[in-house]
Amino acid sequence: ELKEVRMDMDALREEYDSRVSDLTGDVDRVRSEYEKQLNGMNDDTDELEKELEDTKKELEEAKKELEALEGESADLTETVEAMEKNMGAVRDDFSSRLDAMREEMLA
């Protein structure tokens, strides 16, 4: 009878060891799957952070270009205003010369 009990204990121990081995394998597979997912998420995060940094740089460049264009626009506005003044002065001068010539011709 003692022999049978030992055989039963050995069988239970083998079954227990086999079950522990199966469960350990399952845990390792799940852990490996989650680690792959985590690594993928980390890679995605790194890529998104790089894209964000690139977008920030593009935005800064666009701001600088906008400031430069605003400066050019102000310069052009001043030039146009000066030209308009100049054209007004030329028009006034031309009108006064025409008036003087008419008066001379009528006199």
PDB file of N, CA and C in Angstrom:
ATOM      1  N   GLU A   1       0.825  -1.185   0.000  1.00  0.00           N
ATOM      2  CA  GLU A   1       0.000   0.000   0.000  1.00  0.00           C
ATOM      3  C   GLU A   1       0.876   1.258   0.000  1.00  0.00           C
ATOM      4  N   LEU A   2       1.948   1.252   0.726  1.00  0.00           N
ATOM      5  CA  LEU A   2       2.855   2.388   0.757  1.00  0.00           C
ATOM      6  C   LEU A   2       3.412   2.655  -0.633  1.00  0.00           C
ATOM      7  N   LYS A   3       3.648   1.563  -1.354  1.00  0.00           N
ATOM      8  CA  LYS A   3       4.160   1.680  -2.713  1.00  0.00           C
ATOM      9  C   LYS A   3       3.133   2.396  -3.593  1.00  0.00           C
ATOM     10  N   GLU A   4       1.880   2.057  -3.427  1.00  0.00           N
ATOM     11  CA  GLU A   4       0.809   2.687  -4.210  1.00  0.00           C
ATOM     12  C   GLU A   4       0.684   4.171  -3.872  1.00  0.00           C
ATOM     13  N   VAL A   5       0.801   4.505  -2.610  1.00  0.00           N
ATOM     14  CA  VAL A   5       0.715   5.900  -2.173  1.00  0.00           C
ATOM     15  C   VAL A   5       1.870   6.680  -2.785  1.00  0.00           C
ATOM     16  N   ARG A   6       3.061   6.061  -2.764  1.00  0.00           N
ATOM     17  CA  ARG A   6       4.207   6.739  -3.380  1.00  0.00           C
ATOM     18  C   ARG A   6       3.996   6.914  -4.866  1.00  0.00           C
ATOM     19  N   MET A   7       3.445   5.903  -5.506  1.00  0.00           N
ATOM     20  CA  MET A   7       3.185   6.001  -6.952  1.00  0.00           C
ATOM     21  C   MET A   7       2.159   7.099  -7.228  1.00  0.00           C
ATOM     22  N   ASP A   8       1.136   7.153  -6.383  1.00  0.00           N
ATOM     23  CA  ASP A   8       0.121   8.202  -6.541  1.00  0.00           C
ATOM     24  C   ASP A   8       0.743   9.581  -6.316  1.00  0.00           C
ATOM     25  N   MET A   9       1.601   9.682  -5.286  1.00  0.00           N
ATOM     26  CA  MET A   9       2.268  10.962  -5.011  1.00  0.00           C
ATOM     27  C   MET A   9       3.175  11.361  -6.179  1.00  0.00           C
ATOM     28  N   ASP A  10       3.902  10.400  -6.719  1.00  0.00           N
ATOM     29  CA  ASP A  10       4.775  10.678  -7.858  1.00  0.00           C
ATOM     30  C   ASP A  10       3.948  11.123  -9.058  1.00  0.00           C
ATOM     31  N   ALA A  11       2.815  10.448  -9.263  1.00  0.00           N
ATOM     32  CA  ALA A  11       1.942  10.822 -10.384  1.00  0.00           C
ATOM     33  C   ALA A  11       1.390  12.229 -10.183  1.00  0.00           C
ATOM     34  N   LEU A  12       0.980  12.529  -8.944  1.00  0.00           N
ATOM     35  CA  LEU A  12       0.475  13.873  -8.651  1.00  0.00           C
ATOM     36  C   LEU A  12       1.572  14.918  -8.808  1.00  0.00           C
ATOM     37  N   ARG A  13       2.772  14.582  -8.365  1.00  0.00           N
ATOM     38  CA  ARG A  13       3.897  15.505  -8.490  1.00  0.00           C
ATOM     39  C   ARG A  13       4.191  15.772  -9.976  1.00  0.00           C
ATOM     40  N   GLU A  14       4.181  14.714 -10.777  1.00  0.00           N
ATOM     41  CA  GLU A  14       4.428  14.867 -12.216  1.00  0.00           C
ATOM     42  C   GLU A  14       3.340  15.716 -12.859  1.00  0.00           C
ATOM     43  N   GLU A  15       2.097  15.449 -12.458  1.00  0.00           N
ATOM     44  CA  GLU A  15       0.979  16.234 -12.991  1.00  0.00           C
ATOM     45  C   GLU A  15       1.109  17.698 -12.562  1.00  0.00           C
ATOM     46  N   TYR A  16       1.474  17.907 -11.296  1.00  0.00           N
ATOM     47  CA  TYR A  16       1.679  19.263 -10.778  1.00  0.00           C
ATOM     48  C   TYR A  16       2.811  19.959 -11.532  1.00  0.00           C
ATOM     49  N   ASP A  17       3.939  19.279 -11.697  1.00  0.00           N
ATOM     50  CA  ASP A  17       5.081  19.849 -12.418  1.00  0.00           C
ATOM     51  C   ASP A  17       4.706  20.169 -13.865  1.00  0.00           C
ATOM     52  N   SER A  18       3.959  19.278 -14.476  1.00  0.00           N
ATOM     53  CA  SER A  18       3.527  19.491 -15.862  1.00  0.00           C
ATOM     54  C   SER A  18       2.606  20.704 -15.947  1.00  0.00           C
ATOM     55  N   ARG A  19       1.695  20.817 -15.004  1.00  0.00           N
ATOM     56  CA  ARG A  19       0.751  21.950 -14.995  1.00  0.00           C
ATOM     57  C   ARG A  19       1.498  23.259 -14.743  1.00  0.00           C
ATOM     58  N   VAL A  20       2.437  23.254 -13.811  1.00  0.00           N
ATOM     59  CA  VAL A  20       3.247  24.439 -13.526  1.00  0.00           C
ATOM     60  C   VAL A  20       4.041  24.825 -14.769  1.00  0.00           C
ATOM     61  N   SER A  21       4.601  23.832 -15.444  1.00  0.00           N
ATOM     62  CA  SER A  21       5.364  24.093 -16.668  1.00  0.00           C
ATOM     63  C   SER A  21       4.461  24.703 -17.744  1.00  0.00           C
ATOM     64  N   ASP A  22       3.238  24.148 -17.902  1.00  0.00           N
ATOM     65  CA  ASP A  22       2.286  24.700 -18.883  1.00  0.00           C
ATOM     66  C   ASP A  22       1.927  26.147 -18.547  1.00  0.00           C
ATOM     67  N   LEU A  23       1.629  26.388 -17.266  1.00  0.00           N
ATOM     68  CA  LEU A  23       1.253  27.736 -16.841  1.00  0.00           C
ATOM     69  C   LEU A  23       2.429  28.709 -16.999  1.00  0.00           C
ATOM     70  N   THR A  24       3.621  28.246 -16.693  1.00  0.00           N
ATOM     71  CA  THR A  24       4.804  29.095 -16.862  1.00  0.00           C
ATOM     72  C   THR A  24       4.983  29.439 -18.337  1.00  0.00           C
ATOM     73  N   GLY A  25       4.778  28.465 -19.198  1.00  0.00           N
ATOM     74  CA  GLY A  25       4.853  28.719 -20.640  1.00  0.00           C
ATOM     75  C   GLY A  25       3.804  29.725 -21.079  1.00  0.00           C
ATOM     76  N   ASP A  26       2.582  29.580 -20.560  1.00  0.00           N
ATOM     77  CA  ASP A  26       1.508  30.534 -20.897  1.00  0.00           C
ATOM     78  C   ASP A  26       1.876  31.943 -20.442  1.00  0.00           C
ATOM     79  N   VAL A  27       2.386  32.057 -19.229  1.00  0.00           N
ATOM     80  CA  VAL A  27       2.782  33.361 -18.685  1.00  0.00           C
ATOM     81  C   VAL A  27       3.879  33.965 -19.557  1.00  0.00           C
ATOM     82  N   ASP A  28       4.861  33.144 -19.932  1.00  0.00           N
ATOM     83  CA  ASP A  28       5.955  33.646 -20.763  1.00  0.00           C
ATOM     84  C   ASP A  28       5.442  34.118 -22.131  1.00  0.00           C
ATOM     85  N   ARG A  29       4.501  33.378 -22.718  1.00  0.00           N
ATOM     86  CA  ARG A  29       3.941  33.778 -24.014  1.00  0.00           C
ATOM     87  C   ARG A  29       3.176  35.098 -23.902  1.00  0.00           C
ATOM     88  N   VAL A  30       2.360  35.221 -22.854  1.00  0.00           N
ATOM     89  CA  VAL A  30       1.594  36.453 -22.639  1.00  0.00           C
ATOM     90  C   VAL A  30       2.544  37.621 -22.380  1.00  0.00           C
ATOM     91  N   ARG A  31       3.555  37.397 -21.550  1.00  0.00           N
ATOM     92  CA  ARG A  31       4.536  38.442 -21.256  1.00  0.00           C
ATOM     93  C   ARG A  31       5.240  38.882 -22.552  1.00  0.00           C
ATOM     94  N   SER A  32       5.627  37.916 -23.353  1.00  0.00           N
ATOM     95  CA  SER A  32       6.315  38.225 -24.611  1.00  0.00           C
ATOM     96  C   SER A  32       5.405  39.030 -25.538  1.00  0.00           C
ATOM     97  N   GLU A  33       4.132  38.660 -25.605  1.00  0.00           N
ATOM     98  CA  GLU A  33       3.172  39.380 -26.449  1.00  0.00           C
ATOM     99  C   GLU A  33       3.004  40.828 -25.973  1.00  0.00           C
ATOM    100  N   TYR A  34       2.857  40.992 -24.661  1.00  0.00           N
ATOM    101  CA  TYR A  34       2.706  42.346 -24.114  1.00  0.00           C
ATOM    102  C   TYR A  34       3.975  43.178 -24.291  1.00  0.00           C
ATOM    103  N   GLU A  35       5.132  42.542 -24.161  1.00  0.00           N
ATOM    104  CA  GLU A  35       6.380  43.266 -24.381  1.00  0.00           C
ATOM    105  C   GLU A  35       6.483  43.733 -25.830  1.00  0.00           C
ATOM    106  N   LYS A  36       6.055  42.884 -26.774  1.00  0.00           N
ATOM    107  CA  LYS A  36       6.053  43.288 -28.186  1.00  0.00           C
ATOM    108  C   LYS A  36       5.104  44.468 -28.397  1.00  0.00           C
ATOM    109  N   GLN A  37       3.919  44.375 -27.794  1.00  0.00           N
ATOM    110  CA  GLN A  37       2.957  45.471 -27.919  1.00  0.00           C
ATOM    111  C   GLN A  37       3.520  46.752 -27.314  1.00  0.00           C
ATOM    112  N   LEU A  38       4.139  46.635 -26.157  1.00  0.00           N
ATOM    113  CA  LEU A  38       4.713  47.804 -25.488  1.00  0.00           C
ATOM    114  C   LEU A  38       5.831  48.403 -26.336  1.00  0.00           C
ATOM    115  N   ASN A  39       6.684  47.554 -26.883  1.00  0.00           N
ATOM    116  CA  ASN A  39       7.751  48.048 -27.753  1.00  0.00           C
ATOM    117  C   ASN A  39       7.177  48.748 -28.975  1.00  0.00           C
ATOM    118  N   GLY A  40       6.109  48.178 -29.538  1.00  0.00           N
ATOM    119  CA  GLY A  40       5.452  48.817 -30.678  1.00  0.00           C
ATOM    120  C   GLY A  40       4.883  50.176 -30.314  1.00  0.00           C
ATOM    121  N   MET A  41       4.268  50.245 -29.123  1.00  0.00           N
ATOM    122  CA  MET A  41       3.715  51.520 -28.662  1.00  0.00           C
ATOM    123  C   MET A  41       4.824  52.535 -28.416  1.00  0.00           C
ATOM    124  N   ASN A  42       5.938  52.067 -27.852  1.00  0.00           N
ATOM    125  CA  ASN A  42       7.072  52.969 -27.627  1.00  0.00           C
ATOM    126  C   ASN A  42       7.614  53.486 -28.952  1.00  0.00           C
ATOM    127  N   ASP A  43       7.696  52.602 -29.949  1.00  0.00           N
ATOM    128  CA  ASP A  43       8.150  53.027 -31.273  1.00  0.00           C
ATOM    129  C   ASP A  43       7.190  54.056 -31.863  1.00  0.00           C
ATOM    130  N   ASP A  44       5.873  53.796 -31.708  1.00  0.00           N
ATOM    131  CA  ASP A  44       4.872  54.739 -32.209  1.00  0.00           C
ATOM    132  C   ASP A  44       5.003  56.083 -31.495  1.00  0.00           C
ATOM    133  N   THR A  45       5.207  56.031 -30.180  1.00  0.00           N
ATOM    134  CA  THR A  45       5.354  57.261 -29.403  1.00  0.00           C
ATOM    135  C   THR A  45       6.582  58.040 -29.865  1.00  0.00           C
ATOM    136  N   ASP A  46       7.693  57.321 -30.069  1.00  0.00           N
ATOM    137  CA  ASP A  46       8.918  57.975 -30.541  1.00  0.00           C
ATOM    138  C   ASP A  46       8.676  58.635 -31.901  1.00  0.00           C
ATOM    139  N   GLU A  47       7.974  57.934 -32.773  1.00  0.00           N
ATOM    140  CA  GLU A  47       7.689  58.477 -34.104  1.00  0.00           C
ATOM    141  C   GLU A  47       6.797  59.718 -34.005  1.00  0.00           C
ATOM    142  N   LEU A  48       5.782  59.648 -33.141  1.00  0.00           N
ATOM    143  CA  LEU A  48       4.889  60.794 -32.964  1.00  0.00           C
ATOM    144  C   LEU A  48       5.643  61.991 -32.370  1.00  0.00           C
ATOM    145  N   GLU A  49       6.539  61.723 -31.428  1.00  0.00           N
ATOM    146  CA  GLU A  49       7.320  62.813 -30.840  1.00  0.00           C
ATOM    147  C   GLU A  49       8.221  63.451 -31.896  1.00  0.00           C
ATOM    148  N   LYS A  50       8.798  62.644 -32.777  1.00  0.00           N
ATOM    149  CA  LYS A  50       9.638  63.176 -33.848  1.00  0.00           C
ATOM    150  C   LYS A  50       8.799  64.021 -34.811  1.00  0.00           C
ATOM    151  N   GLU A  51       7.614  63.517 -35.161  1.00  0.00           N
ATOM    152  CA  GLU A  51       6.721  64.280 -36.037  1.00  0.00           C
ATOM    153  C   GLU A  51       6.326  65.599 -35.381  1.00  0.00           C
ATOM    154  N   LEU A  52       6.053  65.561 -34.085  1.00  0.00           N
ATOM    155  CA  LEU A  52       5.694  66.780 -33.355  1.00  0.00           C
ATOM    156  C   LEU A  52       6.848  67.769 -33.389  1.00  0.00           C
ATOM    157  N   GLU A  53       8.061  67.288 -33.167  1.00  0.00           N
ATOM    158  CA  GLU A  53       9.240  68.156 -33.185  1.00  0.00           C
ATOM    159  C   GLU A  53       9.431  68.760 -34.585  1.00  0.00           C
ATOM    160  N   ASP A  54       9.250  67.931 -35.627  1.00  0.00           N
ATOM    161  CA  ASP A  54       9.369  68.425 -36.998  1.00  0.00           C
ATOM    162  C   ASP A  54       8.309  69.488 -37.284  1.00  0.00           C
ATOM    163  N   THR A  55       7.087  69.258 -36.789  1.00  0.00           N
ATOM    164  CA  THR A  55       5.999  70.217 -36.992  1.00  0.00           C
ATOM    165  C   THR A  55       6.299  71.528 -36.276  1.00  0.00           C
ATOM    166  N   LYS A  56       6.864  71.438 -35.071  1.00  0.00           N
ATOM    167  CA  LYS A  56       7.241  72.655 -34.339  1.00  0.00           C
ATOM    168  C   LYS A  56       8.278  73.448 -35.126  1.00  0.00           C
ATOM    169  N   LYS A  57       9.263  72.741 -35.694  1.00  0.00           N
ATOM    170  CA  LYS A  57      10.293  73.422 -36.485  1.00  0.00           C
ATOM    171  C   LYS A  57       9.674  74.091 -37.710  1.00  0.00           C
ATOM    172  N   GLU A  58       8.765  73.377 -38.381  1.00  0.00           N
ATOM    173  CA  GLU A  58       8.090  73.951 -39.553  1.00  0.00           C
ATOM    174  C   GLU A  58       7.296  75.190 -39.156  1.00  0.00           C
ATOM    175  N   LEU A  59       6.625  75.127 -38.006  1.00  0.00           N
ATOM    176  CA  LEU A  59       5.849  76.266 -37.527  1.00  0.00           C
ATOM    177  C   LEU A  59       6.757  77.457 -37.260  1.00  0.00           C
ATOM    178  N   GLU A  60       7.891  77.220 -36.612  1.00  0.00           N
ATOM    179  CA  GLU A  60       8.840  78.313 -36.340  1.00  0.00           C
ATOM    180  C   GLU A  60       9.344  78.927 -37.645  1.00  0.00           C
ATOM    181  N   GLU A  61       9.652  78.078 -38.630  1.00  0.00           N
ATOM    182  CA  GLU A  61      10.107  78.585 -39.924  1.00  0.00           C
ATOM    183  C   GLU A  61       9.008  79.408 -40.593  1.00  0.00           C
ATOM    184  N   ALA A  62       7.767  78.911 -40.504  1.00  0.00           N
ATOM    185  CA  ALA A  62       6.645  79.638 -41.103  1.00  0.00           C
ATOM    186  C   ALA A  62       6.443  80.989 -40.418  1.00  0.00           C
ATOM    187  N   LYS A  63       6.615  81.026 -39.082  1.00  0.00           N
ATOM    188  CA  LYS A  63       6.488  82.289 -38.351  1.00  0.00           C
ATOM    189  C   LYS A  63       7.555  83.276 -38.811  1.00  0.00           C
ATOM    190  N   LYS A  64       8.790  82.782 -38.972  1.00  0.00           N
ATOM    191  CA  LYS A  64       9.872  83.658 -39.425  1.00  0.00           C
ATOM    192  C   LYS A  64       9.585  84.186 -40.834  1.00  0.00           C
ATOM    193  N   GLU A  65       9.093  83.296 -41.704  1.00  0.00           N
ATOM    194  CA  GLU A  65       8.753  83.728 -43.061  1.00  0.00           C
ATOM    195  C   GLU A  65       7.631  84.768 -43.035  1.00  0.00           C
ATOM    196  N   LEU A  66       6.640  84.547 -42.161  1.00  0.00           N
ATOM    197  CA  LEU A  66       5.537  85.492 -42.038  1.00  0.00           C
ATOM    198  C   LEU A  66       6.045  86.850 -41.574  1.00  0.00           C
ATOM    199  N   GLU A  67       6.933  86.852 -40.576  1.00  0.00           N
ATOM    200  CA  GLU A  67       7.491  88.114 -40.098  1.00  0.00           C
ATOM    201  C   GLU A  67       8.247  88.828 -41.217  1.00  0.00           C
ATOM    202  N   ALA A  68       9.014  88.068 -42.000  1.00  0.00           N
ATOM    203  CA  ALA A  68       9.765  88.659 -43.110  1.00  0.00           C
ATOM    204  C   ALA A  68       8.802  89.239 -44.148  1.00  0.00           C
ATOM    205  N   LEU A  69       7.736  88.495 -44.444  1.00  0.00           N
ATOM    206  CA  LEU A  69       6.749  88.980 -45.418  1.00  0.00           C
ATOM    207  C   LEU A  69       6.030  90.222 -44.904  1.00  0.00           C
ATOM    208  N   GLU A  70       5.735  90.244 -43.599  1.00  0.00           N
ATOM    209  CA  GLU A  70       5.091  91.423 -43.030  1.00  0.00           C
ATOM    210  C   GLU A  70       6.009  92.638 -43.146  1.00  0.00           C
ATOM    211  N   GLY A  71       7.308  92.426 -42.926  1.00  0.00           N
ATOM    212  CA  GLY A  71       8.276  93.509 -43.083  1.00  0.00           C
ATOM    213  C   GLY A  71       8.332  93.989 -44.527  1.00  0.00           C
ATOM    214  N   GLU A  72       8.354  93.038 -45.463  1.00  0.00           N
ATOM    215  CA  GLU A  72       8.367  93.408 -46.884  1.00  0.00           C
ATOM    216  C   GLU A  72       7.085  94.144 -47.255  1.00  0.00           C
ATOM    217  N   SER A  73       5.957  93.690 -46.696  1.00  0.00           N
ATOM    218  CA  SER A  73       4.679  94.335 -46.980  1.00  0.00           C
ATOM    219  C   SER A  73       4.687  95.778 -46.489  1.00  0.00           C
ATOM    220  N   ALA A  74       5.228  96.003 -45.295  1.00  0.00           N
ATOM    221  CA  ALA A  74       5.298  97.360 -44.748  1.00  0.00           C
ATOM    222  C   ALA A  74       6.189  98.234 -45.630  1.00  0.00           C
ATOM    223  N   ASP A  75       7.325  97.662 -46.073  1.00  0.00           N
ATOM    224  CA  ASP A  75       8.213  98.413 -46.967  1.00  0.00           C
ATOM    225  C   ASP A  75       7.518  98.759 -48.272  1.00  0.00           C
ATOM    226  N   LEU A  76       6.798  97.794 -48.837  1.00  0.00           N
ATOM    227  CA  LEU A  76       6.088  98.036 -50.094  1.00  0.00           C
ATOM    228  C   LEU A  76       4.975  99.066 -49.907  1.00  0.00           C
ATOM    229  N   THR A  77       4.303  99.008 -48.772  1.00  0.00           N
ATOM    230  CA  THR A  77       3.247  99.984 -48.492  1.00  0.00           C
ATOM    231  C   THR A  77       3.835 101.391 -48.442  1.00  0.00           C
ATOM    232  N   GLU A  78       4.980 101.533 -47.780  1.00  0.00           N
ATOM    233  CA  GLU A  78       5.645 102.841 -47.724  1.00  0.00           C
ATOM    234  C   GLU A  78       6.045 103.303 -49.123  1.00  0.00           C
ATOM    235  N   THR A  79       6.558 102.372 -49.929  1.00  0.00           N
ATOM    236  CA  THR A  79       6.972 102.713 -51.291  1.00  0.00           C
ATOM    237  C   THR A  79       5.770 103.161 -52.120  1.00  0.00           C
ATOM    238  N   VAL A  80       4.662 102.424 -52.002  1.00  0.00           N
ATOM    239  CA  VAL A  80       3.449 102.780 -52.753  1.00  0.00           C
ATOM    240  C   VAL A  80       2.935 104.141 -52.310  1.00  0.00           C
ATOM    241  N   GLU A  81       2.928 104.400 -50.996  1.00  0.00           N
ATOM    242  CA  GLU A  81       2.463 105.697 -50.503  1.00  0.00           C
ATOM    243  C   GLU A  81       3.363 106.823 -51.013  1.00  0.00           C
ATOM    244  N   ALA A  82       4.671 106.580 -51.014  1.00  0.00           N
ATOM    245  CA  ALA A  82       5.589 107.608 -51.526  1.00  0.00           C
ATOM    246  C   ALA A  82       5.355 107.843 -53.014  1.00  0.00           C
ATOM    247  N   MET A  83       5.128 106.771 -53.757  1.00  0.00           N
ATOM    248  CA  MET A  83       4.872 106.909 -55.201  1.00  0.00           C
ATOM    249  C   MET A  83       3.553 107.654 -55.445  1.00  0.00           C
ATOM    250  N   GLU A  84       2.539 107.357 -54.621  1.00  0.00           N
ATOM    251  CA  GLU A  84       1.260 108.052 -54.767  1.00  0.00           C
ATOM    252  C   GLU A  84       1.427 109.547 -54.500  1.00  0.00           C
ATOM    253  N   LYS A  85       2.207 109.882 -53.462  1.00  0.00           N
ATOM    254  CA  LYS A  85       2.487 111.295 -53.175  1.00  0.00           C
ATOM    255  C   LYS A  85       3.209 111.939 -54.353  1.00  0.00           C
ATOM    256  N   ASN A  86       4.203 111.226 -54.851  1.00  0.00           N
ATOM    257  CA  ASN A  86       4.985 111.733 -55.979  1.00  0.00           C
ATOM    258  C   ASN A  86       4.093 111.940 -57.195  1.00  0.00           C
ATOM    259  N   MET A  87       3.214 110.988 -57.465  1.00  0.00           N
ATOM    260  CA  MET A  87       2.298 111.120 -58.603  1.00  0.00           C
ATOM    261  C   MET A  87       1.359 112.306 -58.387  1.00  0.00           C
ATOM    262  N   GLY A  88       0.911 112.506 -57.148  1.00  0.00           N
ATOM    263  CA  GLY A  88       0.055 113.665 -56.846  1.00  0.00           C
ATOM    264  C   GLY A  88       0.800 114.959 -57.115  1.00  0.00           C
ATOM    265  N   ALA A  89       2.062 115.017 -56.699  1.00  0.00           N
ATOM    266  CA  ALA A  89       2.866 116.232 -56.928  1.00  0.00           C
ATOM    267  C   ALA A  89       3.080 116.449 -58.421  1.00  0.00           C
ATOM    268  N   VAL A  90       3.356 115.364 -59.156  1.00  0.00           N
ATOM    269  CA  VAL A  90       3.548 115.490 -60.617  1.00  0.00           C
ATOM    270  C   VAL A  90       2.255 115.956 -61.262  1.00  0.00           C
ATOM    271  N   ARG A  91       1.124 115.415 -60.832  1.00  0.00           N
ATOM    272  CA  ARG A  91      -0.177 115.802 -61.381  1.00  0.00           C
ATOM    273  C   ARG A  91      -0.449 117.281 -61.112  1.00  0.00           C
ATOM    274  N   ASP A  92      -0.184 117.707 -59.859  1.00  0.00           N
ATOM    275  CA  ASP A  92      -0.398 119.122 -59.513  1.00  0.00           C
ATOM    276  C   ASP A  92       0.494 120.024 -60.358  1.00  0.00           C
ATOM    277  N   ASP A  93       1.760 119.633 -60.497  1.00  0.00           N
ATOM    278  CA  ASP A  93       2.702 120.415 -61.300  1.00  0.00           C
ATOM    279  C   ASP A  93       2.239 120.485 -62.748  1.00  0.00           C
ATOM    280  N   PHE A  94       1.823 119.344 -63.278  1.00  0.00           N
ATOM    281  CA  PHE A  94       1.363 119.312 -64.672  1.00  0.00           C
ATOM    282  C   PHE A  94       0.125 120.184 -64.844  1.00  0.00           C
ATOM    283  N   SER A  95      -0.801 120.102 -63.882  1.00  0.00           N
ATOM    284  CA  SER A  95      -2.027 120.916 -63.965  1.00  0.00           C
ATOM    285  C   SER A  95      -1.692 122.401 -63.913  1.00  0.00           C
ATOM    286  N   SER A  96      -0.804 122.759 -63.003  1.00  0.00           N
ATOM    287  CA  SER A  96      -0.464 124.182 -62.907  1.00  0.00           C
ATOM    288  C   SER A  96       0.266 124.647 -64.169  1.00  0.00           C
ATOM    289  N   ARG A  97       1.078 123.841 -64.785  1.00  0.00           N
ATOM    290  CA  ARG A  97       1.732 124.220 -66.051  1.00  0.00           C
ATOM    291  C   ARG A  97       0.720 124.362 -67.175  1.00  0.00           C
ATOM    292  N   LEU A  98      -0.246 123.433 -67.200  1.00  0.00           N
ATOM    293  CA  LEU A  98      -1.289 123.541 -68.236  1.00  0.00           C
ATOM    294  C   LEU A  98      -2.103 124.820 -68.036  1.00  0.00           C
ATOM    295  N   ASP A  99      -2.436 125.105 -66.776  1.00  0.00           N
ATOM    296  CA  ASP A  99      -3.182 126.328 -66.485  1.00  0.00           C
ATOM    297  C   ASP A  99      -2.378 127.559 -66.912  1.00  0.00           C
ATOM    298  N   ALA A 100      -1.080 127.542 -66.614  1.00  0.00           N
ATOM    299  CA  ALA A 100      -0.228 128.684 -66.979  1.00  0.00           C
ATOM    300  C   ALA A 100      -0.176 128.829 -68.494  1.00  0.00           C
ATOM    301  N   MET A 101      -0.079 127.723 -69.218  1.00  0.00           N
ATOM    302  CA  MET A 101      -0.040 127.787 -70.684  1.00  0.00           C
ATOM    303  C   MET A 101      -1.367 128.299 -71.236  1.00  0.00           C
ATOM    304  N   ARG A 102      -2.499 127.887 -70.670  1.00  0.00           N
ATOM    305  CA  ARG A 102      -3.791 128.374 -71.132  1.00  0.00           C
ATOM    306  C   ARG A 102      -3.913 129.869 -70.929  1.00  0.00           C
ATOM    307  N   GLU A 103      -3.502 130.284 -69.726  1.00  0.00           N
ATOM    308  CA  GLU A 103      -3.574 131.740 -69.441  1.00  0.00           C
ATOM    309  C   GLU A 103      -2.702 132.507 -70.403  1.00  0.00           C
ATOM    310  N   GLU A 104      -1.541 131.982 -70.721  1.00  0.00           N
ATOM    311  CA  GLU A 104      -0.615 132.643 -71.635  1.00  0.00           C
ATOM    312  C   GLU A 104      -1.226 132.707 -73.029  1.00  0.00           C
ATOM    313  N   MET A 105      -1.889 131.653 -73.426  1.00  0.00           N
ATOM    314  CA  MET A 105      -2.484 131.608 -74.755  1.00  0.00           C
ATOM    315  C   MET A 105      -3.690 132.525 -74.833  1.00  0.00           C
ATOM    316  N   LEU A 106      -4.422 132.658 -73.758  1.00  0.00           N
ATOM    317  CA  LEU A 106      -5.592 133.512 -73.753  1.00  0.00           C
ATOM    318  C   LEU A 106      -5.222 134.997 -73.619  1.00  0.00           C
ATOM    319  N   ALA A 107      -4.062 135.243 -73.153  1.00  0.00           N
ATOM    320  CA  ALA A 107      -3.670 136.622 -72.919  1.00  0.00           C
ATOM    321  C   ALA A 107      -3.208 137.285 -74.172  1.00  0.00           C
TER     322      ALA A 107
END
